[in-house]
């Protein structure tokens, strides 16, 4: 009976997979096209990641029967670039109220739209309400429209940090922190109840640089004096739609139906006909870039280093030391690959894994150009793996630097004893056989041992930066100490060579490799649909929490971690 039961479920599973494959394959032979007089609609209402996934059922909600699949920055930028030369696309409709993305990702999309405008096609933006992030993108539009009762949430930048010192004290958990770098603030939430002065200084410098860049960007595109923008932000003036129009932050206060009528006129569509709006998801499937038609053996490999750098096998969300090194090594050994672009979007992680990757980058640089393209952040280990490159390109708002090291070993001895009445005893053959366990605090000798290791790693780290960036070690140390910088400040300090996005890095790689014709390939190769189904370990509980808590889920995940 059990065997029959299992065989039945195997057959049912194969049958369901067959249906899914058929549905995905259906219509493949049918050539889809974009109708004339179409408009590319940019409505970024899902999280934006570095690369689009291959699994159409990722984050699928059985309740609503809809997929909340994240959209890839690569597909967004490719679609905007293709739309500029597509004769069937008349313009772009930016339909944004908010956007779930960090500053550097927003910058890349905004720059993509600025490049699109060179085609002389229109860019129109509309929203019922603009968040600050959405408005920064919308500010490049030829015309910005707002709902008659809407607002623009322009108010400046802030950063909030949650502190757990009190929580750990209530739980009787002793946070044991060892670090080098007064600005290495990742451990502060566990040992303080507010920001240190050093951390406040570096965060204020970072958001100050980012805000100044945003203000200058809006000022340039909208021809509004910077002082007016600052005054509007300080006084929350743009909560009033009439003020938005009066101060020229928008070009009109209209309803959505009025906008649709206007867009129909622009694209010569009859009033009783539907507007030809094409979503990014649809356009990404249909559009074929002319760049793909280039037939040459010469290639530039874009290798993605995304998420935390870990000692274990990497995933789409993390960068594994050994597995990622294989990708760099494969690019180095492939004679058809003439240059490598390392796309880094990582907050750091394991020092050992970072060293392993650094070694492969250094070896590859000796053989062919390696250009780093920094995304939202390339900090700590993210900068470690970048510093050996031929050149580093960052967005103005990229969070980079954080050249420092820390260790965190919590002791739960008091929690077990005082809260739960649990005690732990041990037998051991040597004085420190139970070194580095959470059931007791470190003794003086062990603490000194960890500190010595931290100092050694830090010395190695600044030596790697010194060699790669051709700087004195003393200078690296002075701008290091765990301090973070924006891409703009990083360029001033010599941590970054050029300001720009991924395409800037690819162009620079082609120049360094003396290539006029080339193809771009992407690594690691993304897993196919079935591999992702088999490898998917995301449980139902996590999916429900993410959906219900939205952006607040990050705090739950942080506490759990």
Foldseek 3Di string as FASTA:
>chain_A
DVVVVVVVVVVVVVVVVVVVVCVVCPCVPPADDAAALAEEEEEAPAAEDQAFAQALCDLQDPVVRHRRGHHHLVLLLVLLVLLLPDNRHQYYEYEYADHNDFPQSLVFNLVSVLVSCVSVGFYEYEYQEHEQSSLLSRLQGPFYEYAQQYFYLQAADDDDDAACCVVCVVLVKFKDKFKFFPCQCPCVSNPHRDDDPSVVVLVCQQSVLVRVVSLVSSCVSQVADSVVSNVCNNVVVRNNVVVCCVRRSGVYHDDPLVVQVVSCVSSVHDPPDHHNYDYSVRSSVNGDDPLVVFDDLAEEEEEEAAEEEDCDDADPHHHHLVVSLVVLQVLLPDPNYQEYEYEFEYQYYDLVSLVSLLVSQLVSVVRHAYEYFYGQEQEASNLSNVLQGPFYEYAQSYKYAQLIDMDIQMASQCSCCPVVVDHDDDDDDDPCPVQRDRPDDDDPVSSVVVNVVRVVSSVVSLVSNCVSQVHDSVLSSVCHSRRIHGPNVCCVSSSHPYYDGPVVRVVVRCVRSVHPRYYYHYPDDHDHNVVCVVPDPDDPVLSVCCVVVPPCVVVVVVVVD
